[in-house]
Amino acid sequence: MLRLHPFRAIRPHEAMAEEVASVPYDVVNRQEARVLAEGHVNNFLHVVRSEIDLPDEVGPYDAVVYERARENFTRMMKESVLIQEEGESLYLYRQIMGEQSQVGLVGCCHIDDYETNIIKKHEHTRKVKEDDRTRHVLAINANSGPVFLTYRQDAAVDGLVDEEMKNAPVLYDFTSPDGVRHTVWRVVNPSAFVEAFGHVQAAYVADGHHRSASAWRAGQEKRKANPNHGGDEEYNWFLSVLFPDNQLNILPYNRVVKDLNGQSPAEVIKKLQSVGTFERTENPEPGHTGSFCFYLAGSGWYCLTLDPASIDSADPIASLDVALLHDRVLGPIFNIGDPRTDDRVDFVGGIRGTKELESRVDSGEWACGVSM
């Protein structure tokens, strides 16, 4: 069963929340992060993407980057931009984007539950990104962002959430520049949630495979370094936010491919036609699973639809779009190897939209975008 741990949160001072709030570290590149944080010394991008404070010739994984993250984090603590709670608690976190609303519980989950697959994963991680976040956790001695977990909707938890939203004090309530409204409550009765989640059989990583893997690795390193390890130390837990599955709005994680593997666009199109139904489209977003949209420089958008009979729906992994795309297109046509290590493929958060794929391809830096 899933273990849940209240914690002494380090959080923005109530008056500083909007100033501190930032986009996730992995949805913007270095230059975009620098522009967003420019003139905003307390924006959390100065911690999670601290390379923005360093010259461009300093690589993103240079040791000085992690040192700068620690310095920025420490400064924000000393100046009370960030404060630490006196006691342990849990929090409710609501996001409203358009007509979509979802309420999650913020707390800590156990690294052993991650290791034993009580917390289930569906993506392989990229070593360079996993190494990066592990070093970041160890540098600032904190989890800088939560792992987004989901669980099967539970009536007992729903009842607790409803009660807390009526009675718990509101810590933050603001709308970020991207139009998403963020509201946070401090839970009055955390022990009730701990007990309720003790009946939840599993949680699933919806977003944050690198963060969760890094938290586990950092915890292992701290265990080895502590000759008096007892099992109740904070490093045994990692920051999480748990959303019920019936509220989730899961956005795609799109792809860009560096080159066409020595082929012309016409040759690539011919090969894609052999994979399934491949035709031009005015809609750059696929309408259902087993379908992908491709943007080729100078050629526009196309839609590839696989034959449903060719997909083994009984296999919960091989039938995922991410697996189908790699097994039938990225591997055989573009010669993309292990996506964890192959730098000819990159990932673009769905919140950036398909215009971001077009922009990257049109810039000449990437040859093909794939909307999933």
Protein backbone atom coordinates (compact mmCIF):
# COMPACT_ATOMS: atom_id res chain seq x y z
CA MET A 1 0.00 0.00 0.00
CA LEU A 2 1.09 3.57 -0.64
CA ARG A 3 2.89 5.45 2.12
CA LEU A 4 2.26 9.19 2.51
CA HIS A 5 4.31 11.52 4.70
CA PRO A 6 3.44 15.03 5.95
CA PHE A 7 6.47 17.31 5.78
CA ARG A 8 7.87 20.68 6.85
CA ALA A 9 7.45 22.40 3.53
CA ILE A 10 9.78 25.06 2.22
CA ARG A 11 7.41 27.34 0.35
CA PRO A 12 7.10 30.95 -0.85
CA HIS A 13 6.08 33.58 1.66
CA GLU A 14 2.40 34.32 1.08
CA ALA A 15 3.21 37.77 -0.31
CA MET A 16 5.82 36.35 -2.72
CA ALA A 17 3.97 33.43 -4.33
CA GLU A 18 3.31 35.02 -7.73
CA GLU A 19 6.86 36.35 -7.89
CA VAL A 20 8.42 32.98 -7.06
CA ALA A 21 6.13 30.78 -9.20
CA SER A 22 7.75 29.52 -12.39
CA VAL A 23 7.10 27.14 -15.23
CA PRO A 24 8.53 23.62 -14.77
CA TYR A 25 12.26 23.44 -15.44
CA ASP A 26 11.92 21.10 -18.42
CA VAL A 27 9.36 22.92 -20.59
CA VAL A 28 11.64 25.79 -21.60
CA ASN A 29 15.14 25.98 -23.01
CA ARG A 30 17.91 28.07 -21.52
CA GLN A 31 17.18 31.22 -23.48
CA GLU A 32 13.44 31.02 -22.87
CA ALA A 33 14.03 30.52 -19.15
CA ARG A 34 16.38 33.52 -19.10
CA VAL A 35 13.77 35.74 -20.76
CA LEU A 36 11.03 34.63 -18.35
CA ALA A 37 13.21 35.27 -15.29
CA GLU A 38 14.75 38.54 -16.50
CA GLY A 39 14.05 41.31 -14.00
CA HIS A 40 12.51 38.81 -11.57
CA VAL A 41 15.30 37.92 -9.18
CA ASN A 42 13.04 35.72 -7.04
CA ASN A 43 11.56 33.65 -9.86
CA PHE A 44 12.24 29.99 -9.06
CA LEU A 45 13.85 29.48 -12.45
CA HIS A 46 16.96 30.95 -10.81
CA VAL A 47 17.02 27.76 -8.73
CA VAL A 48 15.76 25.06 -11.11
CA ARG A 49 17.54 26.50 -14.20
CA SER A 50 20.39 28.38 -12.54
CA GLU A 51 22.49 28.29 -15.73
CA ILE A 52 20.46 31.35 -16.81
CA ASP A 53 22.60 33.37 -14.39
CA LEU A 54 25.84 32.19 -16.02
CA PRO A 55 27.56 32.94 -19.35
CA ASP A 56 26.40 30.86 -22.32
CA GLU A 57 29.79 29.16 -22.59
CA VAL A 58 29.13 27.48 -19.22
CA GLY A 59 27.52 24.13 -19.99
CA PRO A 60 24.17 23.23 -18.39
CA TYR A 61 25.77 20.38 -16.42
CA ASP A 62 28.88 22.21 -15.26
CA ALA A 63 29.53 21.96 -11.51
CA VAL A 64 29.18 25.73 -11.18
CA VAL A 65 25.53 25.47 -12.28
CA TYR A 66 24.62 23.38 -9.24
CA GLU A 67 26.65 25.64 -6.97
CA ARG A 68 24.73 28.63 -8.30
CA ALA A 69 21.44 26.81 -7.70
CA ARG A 70 22.47 26.24 -4.08
CA GLU A 71 23.49 29.89 -3.68
CA ASN A 72 20.22 31.18 -5.13
CA PHE A 73 18.16 28.81 -3.02
CA THR A 74 20.07 29.77 0.14
CA ARG A 75 19.65 33.49 -0.58
CA MET A 76 15.90 33.12 -1.03
CA MET A 77 15.72 31.31 2.31
CA LYS A 78 17.81 33.93 4.11
CA GLU A 79 15.72 36.76 2.69
CA SER A 80 12.46 34.96 3.66
CA VAL A 81 11.35 34.83 0.06
CA LEU A 82 11.08 31.14 0.90
CA ILE A 83 10.08 30.07 4.41
CA GLN A 84 9.94 26.69 6.14
CA GLU A 85 6.87 25.54 8.03
CA GLU A 86 7.20 25.06 11.79
CA GLY A 87 5.36 21.75 11.67
CA GLU A 88 4.65 18.93 9.26
CA SER A 89 1.60 19.17 7.03
CA LEU A 90 0.02 18.24 3.72
CA TYR A 91 -1.47 20.60 1.14
CA LEU A 92 -4.24 20.63 -1.45
CA TYR A 93 -3.28 22.09 -4.81
CA ARG A 94 -5.92 23.02 -7.40
CA GLN A 95 -5.14 23.92 -11.00
CA ILE A 96 -7.78 25.44 -13.27
CA MET A 97 -6.97 25.73 -16.98
CA GLY A 98 -9.94 26.80 -19.07
CA GLU A 99 -12.81 24.56 -18.05
CA GLN A 100 -10.52 21.87 -16.66
CA SER A 101 -10.04 21.69 -12.89
CA GLN A 102 -7.99 19.18 -10.94
CA VAL A 103 -7.20 18.99 -7.22
CA GLY A 104 -4.16 17.12 -5.94
CA LEU A 105 -2.71 16.32 -2.54
CA VAL A 106 0.86 17.51 -1.94
CA GLY A 107 2.94 15.37 0.38
CA CYS A 108 5.93 13.05 0.34
CA CYS A 109 6.08 9.49 -1.00
CA HIS A 110 8.67 6.88 -0.08
CA ILE A 111 11.64 6.03 -2.30
CA ASP A 112 11.20 2.34 -1.42
CA ASP A 113 7.66 2.45 -2.83
CA TYR A 114 9.23 3.80 -6.01
CA GLU A 115 11.81 0.99 -6.04
CA THR A 116 9.26 -1.79 -5.43
CA ASN A 117 6.80 -0.48 -8.05
CA ILE A 118 4.05 0.51 -5.67
CA ILE A 119 4.72 3.75 -7.54
CA LYS A 120 4.56 2.60 -11.15
CA LYS A 121 6.50 3.99 -14.11
CA HIS A 122 5.80 3.91 -17.84
CA GLU A 123 8.80 5.74 -19.31
CA HIS A 124 12.49 5.06 -19.51
CA THR A 125 14.58 7.97 -18.27
CA ARG A 126 17.43 9.69 -20.10
CA LYS A 127 20.64 9.25 -18.12
CA VAL A 128 21.93 12.78 -18.71
CA LYS A 129 18.69 14.29 -17.39
CA GLU A 130 18.53 11.86 -14.49
CA ASP A 131 22.13 12.69 -13.57
CA ASP A 132 21.30 16.40 -13.78
CA ARG A 133 18.34 16.28 -11.39
CA THR A 134 20.18 13.97 -8.98
CA ARG A 135 23.03 16.46 -8.74
CA HIS A 136 20.48 19.25 -8.32
CA VAL A 137 18.71 17.52 -5.42
CA LEU A 138 22.01 16.88 -3.67
CA ALA A 139 23.25 20.43 -4.30
CA ILE A 140 20.29 22.22 -2.73
CA ASN A 141 19.41 19.37 -0.33
CA ALA A 142 15.75 19.54 -1.35
CA ASN A 143 13.31 18.42 -4.03
CA SER A 144 12.77 21.54 -6.12
CA GLY A 145 9.54 20.32 -7.70
CA PRO A 146 6.92 17.64 -7.10
CA VAL A 147 6.50 14.41 -9.02
CA PHE A 148 3.03 14.37 -10.59
CA LEU A 149 1.40 11.09 -9.50
CA THR A 150 -2.07 9.77 -10.16
CA TYR A 151 -4.14 7.11 -8.38
CA ARG A 152 -7.47 5.44 -8.99
CA GLN A 153 -10.22 7.75 -7.73
CA ASP A 154 -11.18 6.89 -4.15
CA ALA A 155 -14.43 7.97 -2.49
CA ALA A 156 -12.86 8.24 0.97
CA VAL A 157 -10.11 10.54 -0.30
CA ASP A 158 -12.67 12.58 -2.28
CA GLY A 159 -14.65 13.16 0.91
CA LEU A 160 -11.58 14.36 2.77
CA VAL A 161 -10.65 16.71 -0.07
CA ASP A 162 -14.14 18.24 -0.15
CA GLU A 163 -14.10 18.78 3.60
CA GLU A 164 -10.65 20.36 3.62
CA MET A 165 -11.45 22.71 0.73
CA LYS A 166 -14.35 24.06 2.80
CA ASN A 167 -12.48 24.41 6.09
CA ALA A 168 -8.74 24.66 5.44
CA PRO A 169 -7.00 28.07 5.20
CA VAL A 170 -6.05 29.23 1.71
CA LEU A 171 -2.33 29.90 1.38
CA TYR A 172 -2.17 31.01 -2.25
CA ASP A 173 -4.64 31.89 -4.97
CA PHE A 174 -3.36 33.52 -8.15
CA THR A 175 -3.44 33.18 -11.93
CA SER A 176 -0.11 32.75 -13.70
CA PRO A 177 0.75 34.48 -17.01
CA ASP A 178 -0.25 31.37 -18.98
CA GLY A 179 -3.82 31.68 -17.68
CA VAL A 180 -3.69 28.79 -15.19
CA ARG A 181 -5.22 29.54 -11.79
CA HIS A 182 -3.32 28.05 -8.83
CA THR A 183 -4.89 27.65 -5.39
CA VAL A 184 -3.23 26.01 -2.36
CA TRP A 185 -4.73 25.06 1.02
CA ARG A 186 -2.88 23.81 4.09
CA VAL A 187 -4.57 20.60 5.25
CA VAL A 188 -6.06 20.76 8.75
CA ASN A 189 -6.19 16.99 9.33
CA PRO A 190 -3.19 15.36 7.60
CA SER A 191 -3.44 12.10 9.58
CA ALA A 192 -6.78 11.32 7.94
CA PHE A 193 -5.17 11.51 4.50
CA VAL A 194 -2.24 9.35 5.62
CA GLU A 195 -4.71 6.69 6.75
CA ALA A 196 -6.84 6.96 3.60
CA PHE A 197 -3.88 6.65 1.28
CA GLY A 198 -2.76 3.62 3.25
CA HIS A 199 -5.60 1.82 1.43
CA VAL A 200 -4.50 3.00 -2.02
CA GLN A 201 -2.77 0.09 -3.71
CA ALA A 202 -0.65 1.98 -6.23
CA ALA A 203 0.23 5.36 -7.68
CA TYR A 204 1.37 6.04 -11.23
CA VAL A 205 3.92 8.57 -12.46
CA ALA A 206 2.00 10.87 -14.80
CA ASP A 207 4.84 13.37 -15.11
CA GLY A 208 8.22 13.41 -13.43
CA HIS A 209 10.01 10.19 -14.29
CA HIS A 210 13.38 11.95 -14.10
CA ARG A 211 12.48 13.73 -10.85
CA SER A 212 11.33 10.52 -9.17
CA ALA A 213 14.33 8.52 -10.40
CA SER A 214 16.63 11.30 -9.21
CA ALA A 215 14.96 11.48 -5.81
CA TRP A 216 15.45 7.73 -5.44
CA ARG A 217 19.11 7.99 -6.47
CA ALA A 218 19.77 10.94 -4.16
CA GLY A 219 18.15 9.02 -1.31
CA GLN A 220 20.34 6.00 -1.99
CA GLU A 221 23.45 8.17 -1.96
CA LYS A 222 22.47 9.77 1.34
CA ARG A 223 21.74 6.38 2.86
CA LYS A 224 25.22 5.15 1.93
CA ALA A 225 26.82 8.32 3.30
CA ASN A 226 25.01 8.05 6.65
CA PRO A 227 26.55 5.40 8.95
CA ASN A 228 23.65 5.95 11.37
CA HIS A 229 20.90 5.56 8.79
CA GLY A 230 17.69 4.64 10.57
CA GLY A 231 15.02 4.85 7.89
CA ASP A 232 13.07 7.84 9.15
CA GLU A 233 15.29 10.54 7.60
CA GLU A 234 13.75 13.04 5.19
CA TYR A 235 15.86 11.77 2.29
CA ASN A 236 13.77 8.57 2.31
CA TRP A 237 10.85 10.61 0.95
CA PHE A 238 10.32 12.74 -2.13
CA LEU A 239 7.96 15.59 -2.93
CA SER A 240 4.82 14.48 -4.78
CA VAL A 241 1.41 15.73 -5.78
CA LEU A 242 -1.27 13.06 -6.16
CA PHE A 243 -4.26 13.65 -8.44
CA PRO A 244 -7.21 11.24 -8.83
CA ASP A 245 -7.38 9.71 -12.29
CA ASN A 246 -10.91 10.97 -13.01
CA GLN A 247 -9.75 14.61 -12.85
CA LEU A 248 -6.61 14.36 -14.94
CA ASN A 249 -5.90 16.45 -17.98
CA ILE A 250 -2.87 14.72 -19.48
CA LEU A 251 -1.11 16.73 -22.17
CA PRO A 252 1.01 15.09 -24.89
CA TYR A 253 4.79 14.95 -24.81
CA ASN A 254 5.67 15.63 -28.43
CA ARG A 255 8.86 14.83 -30.32
CA VAL A 256 11.30 16.59 -32.62
CA VAL A 257 13.84 14.71 -34.73
CA LYS A 258 17.19 16.26 -35.59
CA ASP A 259 17.57 14.99 -39.17
CA LEU A 260 15.98 12.66 -41.71
CA ASN A 261 18.73 10.05 -41.43
CA GLY A 262 20.23 10.96 -44.83
CA GLN A 263 16.89 10.73 -46.62
CA SER A 264 14.93 13.30 -48.58
CA PRO A 265 11.46 14.34 -47.38
CA ALA A 266 9.97 12.42 -50.33
CA GLU A 267 11.77 9.24 -49.25
CA VAL A 268 10.58 9.66 -45.67
CA ILE A 269 7.00 10.23 -46.83
CA LYS A 270 7.11 7.08 -48.96
CA LYS A 271 8.28 5.01 -45.98
CA LEU A 272 5.63 6.50 -43.71
CA GLN A 273 2.98 5.58 -46.28
CA SER A 274 4.02 1.96 -45.88
CA VAL A 275 3.43 2.10 -42.11
CA GLY A 276 -0.23 3.10 -42.26
CA THR A 277 -2.63 5.58 -43.78
CA PHE A 278 -0.56 8.71 -44.39
CA GLU A 279 -2.15 11.85 -45.76
CA ARG A 280 -2.02 15.62 -45.55
CA THR A 281 -3.98 17.26 -42.77
CA GLU A 282 -5.05 20.72 -41.69
CA ASN A 283 -5.27 19.59 -38.06
CA PRO A 284 -1.84 19.18 -36.45
CA GLU A 285 -3.22 17.25 -33.45
CA PRO A 286 -4.13 13.56 -33.81
CA GLY A 287 -7.70 12.77 -32.92
CA HIS A 288 -7.20 9.35 -31.33
CA THR A 289 -4.62 6.83 -30.19
CA GLY A 290 -2.67 4.99 -32.86
CA SER A 291 -2.44 8.23 -34.84
CA PHE A 292 0.40 10.77 -35.15
CA CYS A 293 0.87 14.09 -36.96
CA PHE A 294 4.18 14.88 -38.66
CA TYR A 295 5.54 18.30 -39.61
CA LEU A 296 8.27 18.26 -42.25
CA ALA A 297 10.18 21.37 -43.27
CA GLY A 298 8.74 22.75 -46.49
CA SER A 299 6.06 20.08 -46.64
CA GLY A 300 3.57 20.96 -43.90
CA TRP A 301 1.51 18.62 -41.74
CA TYR A 302 0.63 14.98 -42.39
CA CYS A 303 -1.33 12.46 -40.35
CA LEU A 304 -0.28 8.83 -39.93
CA THR A 305 -2.98 6.42 -38.77
CA LEU A 306 -2.05 2.86 -37.89
CA ASP A 307 -4.29 -0.09 -38.67
CA PRO A 308 -6.04 -0.89 -35.35
CA ALA A 309 -5.82 -4.59 -36.16
CA SER A 310 -2.03 -4.29 -36.10
CA ILE A 311 -1.98 -3.06 -32.50
CA ASP A 312 -1.95 -5.64 -29.71
CA SER A 313 -4.33 -3.95 -27.27
CA ALA A 314 -3.73 -6.76 -24.77
CA ASP A 315 -0.19 -5.49 -24.27
CA PRO A 316 -0.47 -2.37 -22.08
CA ILE A 317 3.06 -1.21 -22.91
CA ALA A 318 3.54 -2.07 -26.58
CA SER A 319 0.14 -0.56 -27.41
CA LEU A 320 1.04 2.86 -26.00
CA ASP A 321 1.46 5.56 -28.63
CA VAL A 322 4.97 6.28 -27.38
CA ALA A 323 5.96 2.65 -28.02
CA LEU A 324 4.17 2.45 -31.37
CA LEU A 325 5.84 5.62 -32.59
CA HIS A 326 9.31 4.41 -31.68
CA ASP A 327 8.89 0.80 -32.84
CA ARG A 328 7.32 1.65 -36.20
CA VAL A 329 8.71 5.08 -37.10
CA LEU A 330 11.50 6.58 -35.04
CA GLY A 331 13.56 3.40 -34.95
CA PRO A 332 13.15 1.88 -38.42
CA ILE A 333 12.74 5.08 -40.47
CA PHE A 334 14.79 7.69 -38.61
CA ASN A 335 17.28 5.28 -37.01
CA ILE A 336 16.66 6.68 -33.53
CA GLY A 337 18.21 4.34 -30.98
CA ASP A 338 17.63 4.41 -27.25
CA PRO A 339 15.58 7.58 -26.66
CA ARG A 340 17.26 7.85 -23.27
CA THR A 341 20.64 8.52 -24.86
CA ASP A 342 20.09 9.43 -28.53
CA ASP A 343 20.55 13.19 -28.93
CA ARG A 344 18.86 13.11 -32.36
CA VAL A 345 15.48 13.15 -30.64
CA ASP A 346 14.12 15.64 -28.14
CA PHE A 347 10.87 16.10 -26.25
CA VAL A 348 8.51 19.08 -26.25
CA GLY A 349 5.84 19.51 -23.57
CA GLY A 350 2.32 19.54 -24.99
CA ILE A 351 1.50 22.79 -23.23
CA ARG A 352 3.81 24.46 -25.76
CA GLY A 353 1.39 23.45 -28.54
CA THR A 354 2.07 22.38 -32.10
CA LYS A 355 3.27 25.87 -33.05
CA GLU A 356 6.38 25.12 -31.04
CA LEU A 357 7.04 22.08 -33.24
CA GLU A 358 6.63 24.21 -36.35
CA SER A 359 8.95 26.86 -34.93
CA ARG A 360 11.72 24.39 -34.16
CA VAL A 361 11.54 22.74 -37.56
CA ASP A 362 11.26 26.04 -39.47
CA SER A 363 14.35 27.31 -37.64
CA GLY A 364 16.38 24.61 -39.36
CA GLU A 365 17.58 23.19 -36.06
CA TRP A 366 15.25 20.16 -36.30
CA ALA A 367 14.02 18.29 -39.38
CA CYS A 368 10.72 16.82 -38.22
CA GLY A 369 8.16 17.40 -35.49
CA VAL A 370 5.74 14.75 -34.25
CA SER A 371 2.48 15.65 -32.51
CA MET A 372 1.16 12.83 -30.33
